[in-house]
Amino acid sequence: MRKIYVIGIGAGDPDHLTLQAAKAIGRTDVFFLLDKGEAKESMIELRRRMLKAYGKPGRRIAEGRDPDRDRSPADYEGTIADWRHRRSEVTEALISEHLLDGEIGAFLVWGDPSLYDSTIAILEEILARGRTRFEYEVVPGISSVSTLVAKHRIGLNRVGQPFQVTTGRRLAEQWPPGVDDVIVMLDAHQSFGTVEGDVDIYWGAYLGTPDELLISGPLAEVADEIRRVRAEARERHGWIMDTYLLRRRT
């Protein structure tokens, strides 16, 4: 039986790789990489550095092209479902062609595979089709959420209080009811601009990398600075990954 690891590799700092992840990398025969284009070549390069440091001699890399998708669709859920299906077909072809019987393959996933990542769902879709057989194991990683609050030296929750992790799209619709602390991910449109009231923001981009950016303070006072810094960074690098915590004052 073929086996696949889904390995969380952290938000960007090579030192965030766990011992469990390093050992899994060392056992892997084939690493699957989905190329997102030249704009994100630095993300691919970090993975290659990890393989050089922890991979075993003779390891192989199988690369495929990550399908494009509409980033501002009218039908968000339908668009995501279609993209995942197309991505699953690319992934299945890579597994079928490059992973031999008795071998171990791996996907290196940014942050933690359980948090806003599609790899687990895609592998389940492949198994449900029944054409390609394998077993898989998930190795947790340090998420951008954990990295964000560590860099700002704050707790993720306040004493006895809940928090919620959501997306920029959801935040633009409404502040999640019943919570005063909201972590926002996947926000391409700076949805914090829709938030009113006494709120502090803890923002970070390229977390754990040499290009890391951190801004915090009252939202009304630092929102424009975040927009400016974010726009300049995206122009400079060609891509940006950012996360932030919104905290209502109580």
C-alpha atoms as a PDB file:
ATOM      1  CA  MET A   1       0.000   0.000   0.000  1.00  0.00           C
ATOM      2  CA  ARG A   2       1.234   3.483  -0.851  1.00  0.00           C
ATOM      3  CA  LYS A   3       1.292   6.080   1.916  1.00  0.00           C
ATOM      4  CA  ILE A   4       1.076   9.871   1.846  1.00  0.00           C
ATOM      5  CA  TYR A   5       2.016  12.381   4.530  1.00  0.00           C
ATOM      6  CA  VAL A   6       0.260  15.743   4.702  1.00  0.00           C
ATOM      7  CA  ILE A   7       2.915  17.708   6.562  1.00  0.00           C
ATOM      8  CA  GLY A   8       2.341  21.106   8.167  1.00  0.00           C
ATOM      9  CA  ILE A   9       5.563  23.086   7.735  1.00  0.00           C
ATOM     10  CA  GLY A  10       4.693  26.287   9.607  1.00  0.00           C
ATOM     11  CA  ALA A  11       4.042  29.832   8.484  1.00  0.00           C
ATOM     12  CA  GLY A  12       7.435  30.480   6.906  1.00  0.00           C
ATOM     13  CA  ASP A  13      10.223  30.095   9.451  1.00  0.00           C
ATOM     14  CA  PRO A  14      12.253  26.903   8.770  1.00  0.00           C
ATOM     15  CA  ASP A  15      12.751  26.611  12.545  1.00  0.00           C
ATOM     16  CA  HIS A  16       8.992  26.119  12.948  1.00  0.00           C
ATOM     17  CA  LEU A  17       9.303  22.654  11.450  1.00  0.00           C
ATOM     18  CA  THR A  18       8.446  20.149  14.200  1.00  0.00           C
ATOM     19  CA  LEU A  19      10.502  17.051  14.958  1.00  0.00           C
ATOM     20  CA  GLN A  20       7.573  14.931  13.768  1.00  0.00           C
ATOM     21  CA  ALA A  21       7.511  16.831  10.474  1.00  0.00           C
ATOM     22  CA  ALA A  22      11.286  16.559  10.003  1.00  0.00           C
ATOM     23  CA  LYS A  23      11.147  12.783  10.597  1.00  0.00           C
ATOM     24  CA  ALA A  24       8.271  12.414   8.123  1.00  0.00           C
ATOM     25  CA  ILE A  25      10.226  14.379   5.511  1.00  0.00           C
ATOM     26  CA  GLY A  26      13.187  12.075   6.120  1.00  0.00           C
ATOM     27  CA  ARG A  27      11.054   8.988   5.386  1.00  0.00           C
ATOM     28  CA  THR A  28       9.482  10.339   2.193  1.00  0.00           C
ATOM     29  CA  ASP A  29      10.382   9.046  -1.271  1.00  0.00           C
ATOM     30  CA  VAL A  30       8.382  11.499  -3.411  1.00  0.00           C
ATOM     31  CA  PHE A  31       7.355  15.087  -2.643  1.00  0.00           C
ATOM     32  CA  PHE A  32       4.430  16.572  -4.547  1.00  0.00           C
ATOM     33  CA  LEU A  33       4.601  20.294  -5.313  1.00  0.00           C
ATOM     34  CA  LEU A  34       1.874  22.310  -7.018  1.00  0.00           C
ATOM     35  CA  ASP A  35       3.452  25.294  -8.769  1.00  0.00           C
ATOM     36  CA  LYS A  36       1.531  28.548  -8.234  1.00  0.00           C
ATOM     37  CA  GLY A  37       3.587  30.539 -10.752  1.00  0.00           C
ATOM     38  CA  GLU A  38       6.617  32.815 -10.604  1.00  0.00           C
ATOM     39  CA  ALA A  39       4.965  35.231  -8.158  1.00  0.00           C
ATOM     40  CA  LYS A  40       5.201  32.580  -5.438  1.00  0.00           C
ATOM     41  CA  GLU A  41       8.559  31.044  -6.374  1.00  0.00           C
ATOM     42  CA  SER A  42       9.933  32.042  -2.962  1.00  0.00           C
ATOM     43  CA  MET A  43       7.335  29.751  -1.340  1.00  0.00           C
ATOM     44  CA  ILE A  44       8.512  26.835  -3.476  1.00  0.00           C
ATOM     45  CA  GLU A  45      12.145  27.662  -2.651  1.00  0.00           C
ATOM     46  CA  LEU A  46      11.523  27.411   1.102  1.00  0.00           C
ATOM     47  CA  ARG A  47      10.124  23.926   0.600  1.00  0.00           C
ATOM     48  CA  ARG A  48      13.219  22.964  -1.384  1.00  0.00           C
ATOM     49  CA  ARG A  49      15.445  24.187   1.452  1.00  0.00           C
ATOM     50  CA  MET A  50      13.570  21.968   3.900  1.00  0.00           C
ATOM     51  CA  LEU A  51      13.981  18.969   1.617  1.00  0.00           C
ATOM     52  CA  LYS A  52      17.701  19.635   1.332  1.00  0.00           C
ATOM     53  CA  ALA A  53      18.044  19.858   5.111  1.00  0.00           C
ATOM     54  CA  TYR A  54      15.868  16.879   6.109  1.00  0.00           C
ATOM     55  CA  GLY A  55      15.140  14.785   3.029  1.00  0.00           C
ATOM     56  CA  LYS A  56      16.840  11.451   2.411  1.00  0.00           C
ATOM     57  CA  PRO A  57      19.215  10.790  -0.501  1.00  0.00           C
ATOM     58  CA  GLY A  58      17.393   9.753  -3.646  1.00  0.00           C
ATOM     59  CA  ARG A  59      14.199  11.617  -2.810  1.00  0.00           C
ATOM     60  CA  ARG A  60      12.219  12.753  -5.818  1.00  0.00           C
ATOM     61  CA  ILE A  61      10.063  15.784  -6.572  1.00  0.00           C
ATOM     62  CA  ALA A  62       6.934  15.589  -8.719  1.00  0.00           C
ATOM     63  CA  GLU A  63       5.559  18.951  -9.800  1.00  0.00           C
ATOM     64  CA  GLY A  64       2.178  19.890 -11.209  1.00  0.00           C
ATOM     65  CA  ARG A  65       0.492  23.131 -12.165  1.00  0.00           C
ATOM     66  CA  ASP A  66      -1.977  24.438  -9.607  1.00  0.00           C
ATOM     67  CA  PRO A  67      -5.231  25.292 -11.458  1.00  0.00           C
ATOM     68  CA  ASP A  68      -6.181  28.956 -11.640  1.00  0.00           C
ATOM     69  CA  ARG A  69      -9.408  30.166 -10.036  1.00  0.00           C
ATOM     70  CA  ASP A  70     -11.522  33.300  -9.833  1.00  0.00           C
ATOM     71  CA  ARG A  71     -10.555  35.204  -6.668  1.00  0.00           C
ATOM     72  CA  SER A  72     -13.771  37.275  -6.589  1.00  0.00           C
ATOM     73  CA  PRO A  73     -16.505  34.935  -7.832  1.00  0.00           C
ATOM     74  CA  ALA A  74     -20.223  35.570  -7.679  1.00  0.00           C
ATOM     75  CA  ASP A  75     -20.746  31.943  -6.603  1.00  0.00           C
ATOM     76  CA  TYR A  76     -17.979  31.476  -4.044  1.00  0.00           C
ATOM     77  CA  GLU A  77     -18.843  27.963  -2.853  1.00  0.00           C
ATOM     78  CA  GLY A  78     -19.445  26.688  -6.384  1.00  0.00           C
ATOM     79  CA  THR A  79     -16.181  28.185  -7.611  1.00  0.00           C
ATOM     80  CA  ILE A  80     -14.220  26.617  -4.755  1.00  0.00           C
ATOM     81  CA  ALA A  81     -15.838  23.221  -5.353  1.00  0.00           C
ATOM     82  CA  ASP A  82     -14.914  23.370  -9.046  1.00  0.00           C
ATOM     83  CA  TRP A  83     -11.330  24.442  -8.244  1.00  0.00           C
ATOM     84  CA  ARG A  84     -10.898  21.653  -5.704  1.00  0.00           C
ATOM     85  CA  HIS A  85     -12.176  19.131  -8.222  1.00  0.00           C
ATOM     86  CA  ARG A  86      -9.704  20.300 -10.861  1.00  0.00           C
ATOM     87  CA  ARG A  87      -6.938  20.335  -8.271  1.00  0.00           C
ATOM     88  CA  SER A  88      -7.816  16.804  -7.214  1.00  0.00           C
ATOM     89  CA  GLU A  89      -7.427  15.632 -10.807  1.00  0.00           C
ATOM     90  CA  VAL A  90      -3.933  17.169 -11.037  1.00  0.00           C
ATOM     91  CA  THR A  91      -3.034  15.664  -7.660  1.00  0.00           C
ATOM     92  CA  GLU A  92      -4.352  12.216  -8.571  1.00  0.00           C
ATOM     93  CA  ALA A  93      -2.339  12.207 -11.788  1.00  0.00           C
ATOM     94  CA  LEU A  94       0.833  13.038  -9.836  1.00  0.00           C
ATOM     95  CA  ILE A  95       0.216  10.266  -7.311  1.00  0.00           C
ATOM     96  CA  SER A  96      -0.635   7.680  -9.965  1.00  0.00           C
ATOM     97  CA  GLU A  97       2.392   8.498 -12.102  1.00  0.00           C
ATOM     98  CA  HIS A  98       5.100   9.058  -9.498  1.00  0.00           C
ATOM     99  CA  LEU A  99       4.276   7.121  -6.309  1.00  0.00           C
ATOM    100  CA  LEU A 100       5.185   3.443  -6.600  1.00  0.00           C
ATOM    101  CA  ASP A 101       3.768   0.597  -4.530  1.00  0.00           C
ATOM    102  CA  GLY A 102       5.297   0.553  -1.047  1.00  0.00           C
ATOM    103  CA  GLU A 103       6.611   4.121  -1.333  1.00  0.00           C
ATOM    104  CA  ILE A 104       5.828   7.193   0.768  1.00  0.00           C
ATOM    105  CA  GLY A 105       4.767  10.502  -0.757  1.00  0.00           C
ATOM    106  CA  ALA A 106       4.223  13.853   0.937  1.00  0.00           C
ATOM    107  CA  PHE A 107       2.604  17.245   0.530  1.00  0.00           C
ATOM    108  CA  LEU A 108       4.265  20.109   2.399  1.00  0.00           C
ATOM    109  CA  VAL A 109       1.466  22.391   3.583  1.00  0.00           C
ATOM    110  CA  TRP A 110       1.893  25.961   4.815  1.00  0.00           C
ATOM    111  CA  GLY A 111       0.907  26.423   8.446  1.00  0.00           C
ATOM    112  CA  ASP A 112      -1.342  23.629   9.710  1.00  0.00           C
ATOM    113  CA  PRO A 113      -3.202  21.318   7.280  1.00  0.00           C
ATOM    114  CA  SER A 114      -6.414  21.579   9.323  1.00  0.00           C
ATOM    115  CA  LEU A 115      -6.795  25.359   8.998  1.00  0.00           C
ATOM    116  CA  TYR A 116      -8.105  26.749   5.692  1.00  0.00           C
ATOM    117  CA  ASP A 117      -6.199  24.266   3.557  1.00  0.00           C
ATOM    118  CA  SER A 118      -7.705  21.982   0.924  1.00  0.00           C
ATOM    119  CA  THR A 119      -5.189  19.108   0.847  1.00  0.00           C
ATOM    120  CA  ILE A 120      -7.108  16.773   3.171  1.00  0.00           C
ATOM    121  CA  ALA A 121     -10.403  17.342   1.324  1.00  0.00           C
ATOM    122  CA  ILE A 122      -8.693  16.772  -2.033  1.00  0.00           C
ATOM    123  CA  LEU A 123      -7.161  13.469  -0.914  1.00  0.00           C
ATOM    124  CA  GLU A 124     -10.561  12.357   0.379  1.00  0.00           C
ATOM    125  CA  GLU A 125     -12.109  13.226  -2.997  1.00  0.00           C
ATOM    126  CA  ILE A 126      -9.473  11.153  -4.782  1.00  0.00           C
ATOM    127  CA  LEU A 127     -10.072   8.162  -2.502  1.00  0.00           C
ATOM    128  CA  ALA A 128     -13.856   8.495  -2.965  1.00  0.00           C
ATOM    129  CA  ARG A 129     -13.453   8.143  -6.751  1.00  0.00           C
ATOM    130  CA  GLY A 130     -11.874   4.736  -6.127  1.00  0.00           C
ATOM    131  CA  ARG A 131      -9.367   4.832  -8.977  1.00  0.00           C
ATOM    132  CA  THR A 132      -6.243   5.477  -6.880  1.00  0.00           C
ATOM    133  CA  ARG A 133      -5.580   3.779  -3.558  1.00  0.00           C
ATOM    134  CA  PHE A 134      -3.343   4.928  -0.725  1.00  0.00           C
ATOM    135  CA  GLU A 135      -3.434   5.640   3.002  1.00  0.00           C
ATOM    136  CA  TYR A 136      -2.511   9.004   4.459  1.00  0.00           C
ATOM    137  CA  GLU A 137      -1.432  10.597   7.720  1.00  0.00           C
ATOM    138  CA  VAL A 138      -1.639  14.255   8.772  1.00  0.00           C
ATOM    139  CA  VAL A 139       1.286  15.886  10.585  1.00  0.00           C
ATOM    140  CA  PRO A 140       0.212  19.127  12.350  1.00  0.00           C
ATOM    141  CA  GLY A 141       2.182  22.328  11.933  1.00  0.00           C
ATOM    142  CA  ILE A 142       2.557  25.756  13.528  1.00  0.00           C
ATOM    143  CA  SER A 143      -0.149  27.940  11.998  1.00  0.00           C
ATOM    144  CA  SER A 144       0.006  31.583  10.972  1.00  0.00           C
ATOM    145  CA  VAL A 145      -2.507  32.206  13.774  1.00  0.00           C
ATOM    146  CA  SER A 146      -0.103  30.886  16.422  1.00  0.00           C
ATOM    147  CA  THR A 147       2.783  32.760  14.818  1.00  0.00           C
ATOM    148  CA  LEU A 148       0.841  36.032  14.689  1.00  0.00           C
ATOM    149  CA  VAL A 149      -0.009  36.162  18.367  1.00  0.00           C
ATOM    150  CA  ALA A 150       3.471  34.979  19.364  1.00  0.00           C
ATOM    151  CA  LYS A 151       5.079  37.766  17.343  1.00  0.00           C
ATOM    152  CA  HIS A 152       2.796  40.351  18.927  1.00  0.00           C
ATOM    153  CA  ARG A 153       3.363  38.782  22.375  1.00  0.00           C
ATOM    154  CA  ILE A 154      -0.321  38.467  23.181  1.00  0.00           C
ATOM    155  CA  GLY A 155      -2.712  35.657  24.046  1.00  0.00           C
ATOM    156  CA  LEU A 156      -5.092  34.359  21.427  1.00  0.00           C
ATOM    157  CA  ASN A 157      -7.985  34.398  23.877  1.00  0.00           C
ATOM    158  CA  ARG A 158      -8.801  36.475  26.928  1.00  0.00           C
ATOM    159  CA  VAL A 159      -9.564  34.893  30.302  1.00  0.00           C
ATOM    160  CA  GLY A 160     -12.569  32.610  30.016  1.00  0.00           C
ATOM    161  CA  GLN A 161     -13.565  34.083  26.649  1.00  0.00           C
ATOM    162  CA  PRO A 162     -13.985  32.403  23.239  1.00  0.00           C
ATOM    163  CA  PHE A 163     -12.496  33.541  19.959  1.00  0.00           C
ATOM    164  CA  GLN A 164     -13.391  32.772  16.360  1.00  0.00           C
ATOM    165  CA  VAL A 165     -11.308  32.210  13.243  1.00  0.00           C
ATOM    166  CA  THR A 166     -13.001  33.421  10.091  1.00  0.00           C
ATOM    167  CA  THR A 167     -12.318  34.801   6.615  1.00  0.00           C
ATOM    168  CA  GLY A 168     -12.257  38.319   5.251  1.00  0.00           C
ATOM    169  CA  ARG A 169     -15.321  37.514   3.153  1.00  0.00           C
ATOM    170  CA  ARG A 170     -17.292  36.501   6.249  1.00  0.00           C
ATOM    171  CA  LEU A 171     -16.102  39.503   8.250  1.00  0.00           C
ATOM    172  CA  ALA A 172     -17.329  41.829   5.493  1.00  0.00           C
ATOM    173  CA  GLU A 173     -20.785  40.307   5.948  1.00  0.00           C
ATOM    174  CA  GLN A 174     -20.862  40.724   9.729  1.00  0.00           C
ATOM    175  CA  TRP A 175     -18.796  40.578  12.894  1.00  0.00           C
ATOM    176  CA  PRO A 176     -19.227  37.005  14.229  1.00  0.00           C
ATOM    177  CA  PRO A 177     -21.891  37.069  16.959  1.00  0.00           C
ATOM    178  CA  GLY A 178     -21.018  36.135  20.525  1.00  0.00           C
ATOM    179  CA  VAL A 179     -17.280  36.868  20.407  1.00  0.00           C
ATOM    180  CA  ASP A 180     -15.063  39.899  20.976  1.00  0.00           C
ATOM    181  CA  ASP A 181     -11.859  38.386  19.555  1.00  0.00           C
ATOM    182  CA  VAL A 182     -11.747  37.491  15.858  1.00  0.00           C
ATOM    183  CA  ILE A 183      -8.844  36.071  13.841  1.00  0.00           C
ATOM    184  CA  VAL A 184      -9.198  36.865  10.137  1.00  0.00           C
ATOM    185  CA  MET A 185      -7.519  34.920   7.347  1.00  0.00           C
ATOM    186  CA  LEU A 186      -7.755  34.924   3.540  1.00  0.00           C
ATOM    187  CA  ASP A 187      -8.608  38.616   3.363  1.00  0.00           C
ATOM    188  CA  ALA A 188      -7.684  40.014  -0.044  1.00  0.00           C
ATOM    189  CA  HIS A 189      -9.854  43.117   0.370  1.00  0.00           C
ATOM    190  CA  GLN A 190      -8.865  44.459   3.807  1.00  0.00           C
ATOM    191  CA  SER A 191     -12.269  43.768   5.308  1.00  0.00           C
ATOM    192  CA  PHE A 192     -11.196  45.313   8.596  1.00  0.00           C
ATOM    193  CA  GLY A 193     -12.291  48.544   6.921  1.00  0.00           C
ATOM    194  CA  THR A 194     -15.911  47.502   7.495  1.00  0.00           C
ATOM    195  CA  VAL A 195     -15.452  47.250  11.272  1.00  0.00           C
ATOM    196  CA  GLU A 196     -16.682  50.027  13.545  1.00  0.00           C
ATOM    197  CA  GLY A 197     -16.288  50.738  17.256  1.00  0.00           C
ATOM    198  CA  ASP A 198     -13.396  50.523  19.725  1.00  0.00           C
ATOM    199  CA  VAL A 199     -11.327  47.718  18.247  1.00  0.00           C
ATOM    200  CA  ASP A 200      -7.607  46.966  18.328  1.00  0.00           C
ATOM    201  CA  ILE A 201      -5.909  45.173  15.453  1.00  0.00           C
ATOM    202  CA  TYR A 202      -2.811  42.958  15.470  1.00  0.00           C
ATOM    203  CA  TRP A 203      -1.732  42.482  11.850  1.00  0.00           C
ATOM    204  CA  GLY A 204       1.086  40.477  10.310  1.00  0.00           C
ATOM    205  CA  ALA A 205       2.283  39.496   6.848  1.00  0.00           C
ATOM    206  CA  TYR A 206       4.971  37.060   5.602  1.00  0.00           C
ATOM    207  CA  LEU A 207       5.038  35.734   9.152  1.00  0.00           C
ATOM    208  CA  GLY A 208       8.179  33.851  10.100  1.00  0.00           C
ATOM    209  CA  THR A 209      10.121  35.001   7.036  1.00  0.00           C
ATOM    210  CA  PRO A 210      12.845  37.659   6.611  1.00  0.00           C
ATOM    211  CA  ASP A 211      10.160  39.869   5.006  1.00  0.00           C
ATOM    212  CA  GLU A 212       7.887  39.742   8.052  1.00  0.00           C
ATOM    213  CA  LEU A 213       5.719  42.817   8.695  1.00  0.00           C
ATOM    214  CA  LEU A 214       3.892  43.607  11.965  1.00  0.00           C
ATOM    215  CA  ILE A 215       1.536  46.475  12.821  1.00  0.00           C
ATOM    216  CA  SER A 216      -0.721  46.840  15.836  1.00  0.00           C
ATOM    217  CA  GLY A 217      -2.823  49.498  17.546  1.00  0.00           C
ATOM    218  CA  PRO A 218      -6.319  50.994  17.558  1.00  0.00           C
ATOM    219  CA  LEU A 219      -7.926  50.041  14.260  1.00  0.00           C
ATOM    220  CA  ALA A 220      -9.093  53.579  13.511  1.00  0.00           C
ATOM    221  CA  GLU A 221      -5.532  54.861  13.879  1.00  0.00           C
ATOM    222  CA  VAL A 222      -3.531  52.203  11.996  1.00  0.00           C
ATOM    223  CA  ALA A 223      -5.942  50.994   9.269  1.00  0.00           C
ATOM    224  CA  ASP A 224      -4.533  53.367   6.632  1.00  0.00           C
ATOM    225  CA  GLU A 225      -0.971  52.414   7.547  1.00  0.00           C
ATOM    226  CA  ILE A 226      -1.795  48.720   7.122  1.00  0.00           C
ATOM    227  CA  ARG A 227      -3.367  49.395   3.714  1.00  0.00           C
ATOM    228  CA  ARG A 228      -0.290  51.338   2.578  1.00  0.00           C
ATOM    229  CA  VAL A 229       2.263  48.833   3.878  1.00  0.00           C
ATOM    230  CA  ARG A 230       0.282  45.921   2.486  1.00  0.00           C
ATOM    231  CA  ALA A 231      -0.028  47.474  -0.978  1.00  0.00           C
ATOM    232  CA  GLU A 232       3.690  48.294  -1.116  1.00  0.00           C
ATOM    233  CA  ALA A 233       4.652  44.786   0.003  1.00  0.00           C
ATOM    234  CA  ARG A 234       2.363  43.111  -2.510  1.00  0.00           C
ATOM    235  CA  GLU A 235       3.779  45.251  -5.300  1.00  0.00           C
ATOM    236  CA  ARG A 236       7.330  44.416  -4.232  1.00  0.00           C
ATOM    237  CA  HIS A 237       6.894  40.649  -3.856  1.00  0.00           C
ATOM    238  CA  GLY A 238       4.078  39.940  -6.290  1.00  0.00           C
ATOM    239  CA  TRP A 239       2.044  38.172  -3.585  1.00  0.00           C
ATOM    240  CA  ILE A 240       1.120  38.559   0.066  1.00  0.00           C
ATOM    241  CA  MET A 241      -0.113  36.303   2.861  1.00  0.00           C
ATOM    242  CA  ASP A 242      -1.396  38.159   5.902  1.00  0.00           C
ATOM    243  CA  THR A 243      -3.442  37.437   9.015  1.00  0.00           C
ATOM    244  CA  TYR A 244      -4.824  39.626  11.765  1.00  0.00           C
ATOM    245  CA  LEU A 245      -6.583  39.586  15.112  1.00  0.00           C
ATOM    246  CA  LEU A 246      -9.376  42.063  15.840  1.00  0.00           C
ATOM    247  CA  ARG A 247     -10.031  42.619  19.547  1.00  0.00           C
ATOM    248  CA  ARG A 248     -12.986  44.597  20.826  1.00  0.00           C
ATOM    249  CA  ARG A 249     -12.302  46.659  23.927  1.00  0.00           C
ATOM    250  CA  THR A 250     -14.528  45.564  26.784  1.00  0.00           C
END
